[in-house]
Amino acid sequence: MKEHITAGAKLSFVSAYFTIYAYEKLRDQLDEIKHFDFLFGDSGNVDKLNPKDTKMEFSIVGDKLEIPLEKRLTQRGLAEACAKWIQEKVDIRSLTAPDSPIAKCII
């Protein structure tokens, strides 16, 4: 994606996921775009994908999900930069129709 996002571009994404770490990885490119339309699925649909009786557990220590101390100390600054970018360049909308599909990522 880094190779294809150009300065002044207008992007449209449909996704069920976006984190400050996605922003961090693409920050140089995303800061230079003109506009970003982001469409995500209705939260009711998320429950269908992750039923409440399914135990979700994540750890920030060990295995592949470990977040290095350096990252944990810079999360606030990254979150603030991402929030500023969203306020300036992003329109966010949600799918609200019953049984709307949630895409993992459509560009």
N, C-alpha and C. Protein backbone atom coordinates (compact mmCIF):
# COMPACT_ATOMS: atom_id res chain seq x y z
N MET A 1 0.82 -1.18 0.00
CA MET A 1 0.00 0.00 0.00
C MET A 1 0.86 1.25 0.00
N LYS A 2 2.01 1.18 0.65
CA LYS A 2 2.89 2.35 0.70
C LYS A 2 3.26 2.83 -0.69
N GLU A 3 3.45 1.88 -1.58
CA GLU A 3 3.87 2.22 -2.95
C GLU A 3 2.74 2.85 -3.76
N HIS A 4 1.50 2.62 -3.37
CA HIS A 4 0.36 3.05 -4.19
C HIS A 4 -0.39 4.27 -3.64
N ILE A 5 -0.12 4.66 -2.40
CA ILE A 5 -0.76 5.84 -1.83
C ILE A 5 0.11 7.04 -2.17
N THR A 6 -0.44 7.96 -2.95
CA THR A 6 0.35 9.11 -3.40
C THR A 6 -0.16 10.40 -2.77
N ALA A 7 0.71 11.39 -2.74
CA ALA A 7 0.35 12.70 -2.20
C ALA A 7 -0.84 13.26 -2.97
N GLY A 8 -1.79 13.84 -2.25
CA GLY A 8 -2.97 14.43 -2.87
C GLY A 8 -4.05 13.44 -3.25
N ALA A 9 -3.85 12.16 -2.95
CA ALA A 9 -4.82 11.12 -3.33
C ALA A 9 -6.09 11.23 -2.49
N LYS A 10 -7.18 10.72 -3.05
CA LYS A 10 -8.44 10.56 -2.34
C LYS A 10 -8.66 9.07 -2.20
N LEU A 11 -8.69 8.58 -0.98
CA LEU A 11 -8.80 7.14 -0.71
C LEU A 11 -10.18 6.79 -0.16
N SER A 12 -10.64 5.59 -0.50
CA SER A 12 -11.87 5.05 0.06
C SER A 12 -11.58 3.63 0.52
N PHE A 13 -11.86 3.34 1.78
CA PHE A 13 -11.63 2.02 2.35
C PHE A 13 -12.91 1.52 3.00
N VAL A 14 -13.13 0.21 2.89
CA VAL A 14 -14.15 -0.48 3.65
C VAL A 14 -13.40 -1.51 4.48
N SER A 15 -13.54 -1.43 5.78
CA SER A 15 -12.80 -2.34 6.63
C SER A 15 -13.47 -2.47 7.99
N ALA A 16 -13.21 -3.57 8.65
CA ALA A 16 -13.69 -3.76 10.01
C ALA A 16 -12.61 -3.37 11.01
N TYR A 17 -11.44 -2.99 10.52
CA TYR A 17 -10.31 -2.73 11.41
C TYR A 17 -9.57 -1.47 11.01
N PHE A 18 -9.15 -0.72 11.99
CA PHE A 18 -8.19 0.37 11.79
C PHE A 18 -7.65 0.71 13.17
N THR A 19 -6.34 0.72 13.29
CA THR A 19 -5.72 1.01 14.58
C THR A 19 -4.71 2.13 14.42
N ILE A 20 -4.26 2.63 15.55
CA ILE A 20 -3.21 3.64 15.49
C ILE A 20 -1.94 3.06 14.89
N TYR A 21 -1.78 1.75 14.98
CA TYR A 21 -0.59 1.11 14.41
C TYR A 21 -0.69 1.02 12.89
N ALA A 22 -1.89 0.89 12.35
CA ALA A 22 -2.07 0.96 10.89
C ALA A 22 -1.69 2.36 10.43
N TYR A 23 -2.17 3.36 11.16
CA TYR A 23 -1.81 4.74 10.83
C TYR A 23 -0.29 4.93 10.91
N GLU A 24 0.32 4.40 11.96
CA GLU A 24 1.77 4.54 12.13
C GLU A 24 2.54 3.97 10.94
N LYS A 25 2.15 2.77 10.49
CA LYS A 25 2.86 2.12 9.37
C LYS A 25 2.73 2.90 8.07
N LEU A 26 1.60 3.59 7.89
CA LEU A 26 1.34 4.32 6.64
C LEU A 26 1.37 5.83 6.85
N ARG A 27 1.86 6.28 7.97
CA ARG A 27 1.81 7.69 8.34
C ARG A 27 2.38 8.64 7.29
N ASP A 28 3.55 8.34 6.78
CA ASP A 28 4.17 9.23 5.79
C ASP A 28 3.25 9.42 4.58
N GLN A 29 2.62 8.34 4.14
CA GLN A 29 1.73 8.42 2.98
C GLN A 29 0.39 9.06 3.36
N LEU A 30 -0.21 8.63 4.47
CA LEU A 30 -1.53 9.13 4.85
C LEU A 30 -1.53 10.61 5.21
N ASP A 31 -0.44 11.11 5.76
CA ASP A 31 -0.37 12.53 6.08
C ASP A 31 -0.38 13.40 4.83
N GLU A 32 -0.03 12.83 3.69
CA GLU A 32 0.07 13.60 2.45
C GLU A 32 -1.16 13.48 1.54
N ILE A 33 -2.12 12.63 1.91
CA ILE A 33 -3.31 12.49 1.06
C ILE A 33 -4.23 13.70 1.22
N LYS A 34 -5.16 13.82 0.29
CA LYS A 34 -6.13 14.91 0.36
C LYS A 34 -7.32 14.52 1.24
N HIS A 35 -7.84 13.30 1.05
CA HIS A 35 -9.04 12.90 1.78
C HIS A 35 -9.11 11.38 1.87
N PHE A 36 -9.76 10.91 2.95
CA PHE A 36 -9.90 9.48 3.22
C PHE A 36 -11.34 9.21 3.63
N ASP A 37 -12.07 8.42 2.85
CA ASP A 37 -13.42 7.97 3.21
C ASP A 37 -13.29 6.58 3.80
N PHE A 38 -13.78 6.41 5.02
CA PHE A 38 -13.67 5.13 5.71
C PHE A 38 -15.07 4.63 6.05
N LEU A 39 -15.38 3.44 5.60
CA LEU A 39 -16.68 2.81 5.85
C LEU A 39 -16.45 1.54 6.64
N PHE A 40 -17.12 1.43 7.79
CA PHE A 40 -16.99 0.21 8.58
C PHE A 40 -18.36 -0.35 8.91
N GLY A 41 -18.38 -1.62 9.25
CA GLY A 41 -19.63 -2.32 9.51
C GLY A 41 -20.28 -1.90 10.81
N ASP A 42 -21.57 -2.04 10.87
CA ASP A 42 -22.36 -1.75 12.06
C ASP A 42 -21.90 -2.64 13.20
N SER A 43 -21.85 -2.08 14.40
CA SER A 43 -21.36 -2.84 15.55
C SER A 43 -22.20 -4.09 15.83
N GLY A 44 -23.47 -4.08 15.43
CA GLY A 44 -24.30 -5.27 15.59
C GLY A 44 -23.78 -6.43 14.79
N ASN A 45 -23.18 -6.13 13.64
CA ASN A 45 -22.59 -7.18 12.82
C ASN A 45 -21.33 -7.76 13.45
N VAL A 46 -20.60 -6.95 14.19
CA VAL A 46 -19.40 -7.44 14.86
C VAL A 46 -19.78 -8.52 15.85
N ASP A 47 -20.90 -8.32 16.56
CA ASP A 47 -21.35 -9.33 17.51
C ASP A 47 -21.65 -10.66 16.82
N LYS A 48 -22.13 -10.62 15.58
CA LYS A 48 -22.41 -11.85 14.85
C LYS A 48 -21.11 -12.60 14.53
N LEU A 49 -20.04 -11.84 14.30
CA LEU A 49 -18.76 -12.46 13.99
C LEU A 49 -18.06 -12.97 15.24
N ASN A 50 -18.25 -12.26 16.36
CA ASN A 50 -17.64 -12.63 17.63
C ASN A 50 -18.75 -12.77 18.67
N PRO A 51 -19.42 -13.91 18.70
CA PRO A 51 -20.51 -14.08 19.66
C PRO A 51 -20.03 -13.81 21.09
N LYS A 52 -20.93 -13.28 21.91
CA LYS A 52 -20.58 -12.90 23.28
C LYS A 52 -20.11 -14.08 24.12
N ASP A 53 -20.50 -15.28 23.77
CA ASP A 53 -20.07 -16.43 24.55
C ASP A 53 -18.67 -16.91 24.14
N THR A 54 -18.07 -16.27 23.14
CA THR A 54 -16.71 -16.61 22.72
C THR A 54 -15.73 -15.80 23.56
N LYS A 55 -14.83 -16.48 24.22
CA LYS A 55 -13.87 -15.80 25.07
C LYS A 55 -12.76 -15.20 24.21
N MET A 56 -12.60 -13.89 24.31
CA MET A 56 -11.55 -13.19 23.58
C MET A 56 -10.49 -12.80 24.60
N GLU A 57 -9.26 -13.17 24.34
CA GLU A 57 -8.22 -12.86 25.30
C GLU A 57 -6.96 -12.49 24.55
N PHE A 58 -6.38 -11.37 24.95
CA PHE A 58 -5.15 -10.92 24.31
C PHE A 58 -4.13 -10.61 25.39
N SER A 59 -2.90 -10.79 25.06
CA SER A 59 -1.82 -10.51 26.00
C SER A 59 -0.83 -9.56 25.34
N ILE A 60 -0.33 -8.60 26.11
CA ILE A 60 0.69 -7.72 25.53
C ILE A 60 2.09 -8.22 25.83
N VAL A 61 2.18 -9.38 26.46
CA VAL A 61 3.49 -9.95 26.76
C VAL A 61 3.53 -11.37 26.22
N GLY A 62 4.60 -11.68 25.53
CA GLY A 62 4.79 -13.03 25.03
C GLY A 62 4.20 -13.25 23.66
N ASP A 63 4.63 -14.28 23.01
CA ASP A 63 4.18 -14.67 21.68
C ASP A 63 4.26 -13.52 20.68
N LYS A 64 3.40 -13.52 19.69
CA LYS A 64 3.43 -12.54 18.63
C LYS A 64 2.76 -11.22 18.99
N LEU A 65 1.98 -11.18 20.07
CA LEU A 65 1.25 -9.98 20.42
C LEU A 65 2.02 -9.07 21.37
N GLU A 66 3.26 -9.36 21.61
CA GLU A 66 4.04 -8.55 22.54
C GLU A 66 4.20 -7.13 22.00
N ILE A 67 3.94 -6.16 22.84
CA ILE A 67 4.15 -4.76 22.48
C ILE A 67 5.40 -4.30 23.23
N PRO A 68 6.47 -3.97 22.51
CA PRO A 68 7.70 -3.55 23.18
C PRO A 68 7.46 -2.32 24.06
N LEU A 69 8.23 -2.20 25.12
CA LEU A 69 8.10 -1.07 26.04
C LEU A 69 8.16 0.26 25.30
N GLU A 70 9.05 0.37 24.34
CA GLU A 70 9.18 1.60 23.56
C GLU A 70 7.85 2.00 22.92
N LYS A 71 7.12 1.02 22.37
CA LYS A 71 5.82 1.28 21.75
C LYS A 71 4.80 1.71 22.80
N ARG A 72 4.81 1.05 23.95
CA ARG A 72 3.85 1.39 24.99
C ARG A 72 4.06 2.82 25.48
N LEU A 73 5.30 3.30 25.48
CA LEU A 73 5.59 4.65 25.95
C LEU A 73 5.23 5.72 24.92
N THR A 74 5.09 5.34 23.64
CA THR A 74 4.80 6.33 22.60
C THR A 74 3.36 6.26 22.10
N GLN A 75 2.53 5.41 22.69
CA GLN A 75 1.15 5.25 22.22
C GLN A 75 0.35 6.55 22.30
N ARG A 76 0.50 7.32 23.34
CA ARG A 76 -0.29 8.53 23.50
C ARG A 76 0.00 9.52 22.37
N GLY A 77 1.27 9.75 22.08
CA GLY A 77 1.63 10.67 21.00
C GLY A 77 1.12 10.18 19.66
N LEU A 78 1.23 8.89 19.42
CA LEU A 78 0.74 8.30 18.18
C LEU A 78 -0.77 8.43 18.09
N ALA A 79 -1.48 8.16 19.18
CA ALA A 79 -2.93 8.27 19.19
C ALA A 79 -3.36 9.72 18.93
N GLU A 80 -2.65 10.67 19.50
CA GLU A 80 -2.98 12.08 19.28
C GLU A 80 -2.74 12.48 17.82
N ALA A 81 -1.65 12.02 17.23
CA ALA A 81 -1.36 12.31 15.82
C ALA A 81 -2.41 11.69 14.91
N CYS A 82 -2.82 10.47 15.22
CA CYS A 82 -3.84 9.78 14.44
C CYS A 82 -5.18 10.51 14.56
N ALA A 83 -5.54 10.93 15.76
CA ALA A 83 -6.79 11.66 15.98
C ALA A 83 -6.80 12.97 15.20
N LYS A 84 -5.69 13.65 15.19
CA LYS A 84 -5.59 14.92 14.45
C LYS A 84 -5.78 14.66 12.96
N TRP A 85 -5.13 13.61 12.45
CA TRP A 85 -5.25 13.24 11.03
C TRP A 85 -6.71 12.92 10.69
N ILE A 86 -7.37 12.17 11.56
CA ILE A 86 -8.77 11.81 11.33
C ILE A 86 -9.64 13.07 11.28
N GLN A 87 -9.43 13.98 12.21
CA GLN A 87 -10.22 15.21 12.24
C GLN A 87 -10.02 16.04 10.98
N GLU A 88 -8.82 16.05 10.44
CA GLU A 88 -8.49 16.90 9.29
C GLU A 88 -8.84 16.28 7.95
N LYS A 89 -8.73 14.95 7.83
CA LYS A 89 -8.80 14.35 6.50
C LYS A 89 -9.75 13.19 6.32
N VAL A 90 -10.42 12.75 7.36
CA VAL A 90 -11.18 11.50 7.27
C VAL A 90 -12.67 11.73 7.52
N ASP A 91 -13.49 11.10 6.66
CA ASP A 91 -14.93 10.99 6.90
C ASP A 91 -15.19 9.53 7.21
N ILE A 92 -15.85 9.28 8.34
CA ILE A 92 -16.13 7.91 8.77
C ILE A 92 -17.63 7.68 8.73
N ARG A 93 -18.01 6.58 8.12
CA ARG A 93 -19.42 6.21 8.06
C ARG A 93 -19.53 4.73 8.46
N SER A 94 -20.73 4.35 8.89
CA SER A 94 -20.97 2.98 9.31
C SER A 94 -22.08 2.37 8.48
N LEU A 95 -21.92 1.10 8.12
CA LEU A 95 -22.99 0.35 7.48
C LEU A 95 -24.04 0.07 8.54
N THR A 96 -25.29 0.42 8.26
CA THR A 96 -26.33 0.23 9.27
C THR A 96 -27.44 -0.70 8.81
N ALA A 97 -27.42 -1.11 7.55
CA ALA A 97 -28.45 -2.02 7.05
C ALA A 97 -28.31 -3.38 7.73
N PRO A 98 -29.43 -4.04 8.02
CA PRO A 98 -29.34 -5.37 8.63
C PRO A 98 -28.51 -6.32 7.76
N ASP A 99 -27.69 -7.09 8.40
CA ASP A 99 -26.85 -8.08 7.74
C ASP A 99 -25.90 -7.48 6.71
N SER A 100 -25.47 -6.24 6.95
CA SER A 100 -24.46 -5.63 6.07
C SER A 100 -23.16 -6.42 6.21
N PRO A 101 -22.48 -6.63 5.11
CA PRO A 101 -21.23 -7.37 5.19
C PRO A 101 -20.14 -6.54 5.85
N ILE A 102 -19.24 -7.19 6.54
CA ILE A 102 -18.07 -6.52 7.06
C ILE A 102 -16.88 -7.08 6.31
N ALA A 103 -16.19 -6.20 5.64
CA ALA A 103 -15.00 -6.62 4.90
C ALA A 103 -13.77 -6.47 5.78
N LYS A 104 -12.84 -7.37 5.63
CA LYS A 104 -11.60 -7.22 6.37
C LYS A 104 -10.82 -6.05 5.80
N CYS A 105 -10.81 -5.93 4.50
CA CYS A 105 -10.21 -4.75 3.88
C CYS A 105 -10.54 -4.73 2.40
N ILE A 106 -11.19 -3.71 1.95
CA ILE A 106 -11.44 -3.49 0.53
C ILE A 106 -10.93 -2.11 0.21
N ILE A 107 -10.11 -2.01 -0.81
CA ILE A 107 -9.53 -0.72 -1.17
C ILE A 107 -10.12 -0.27 -2.50
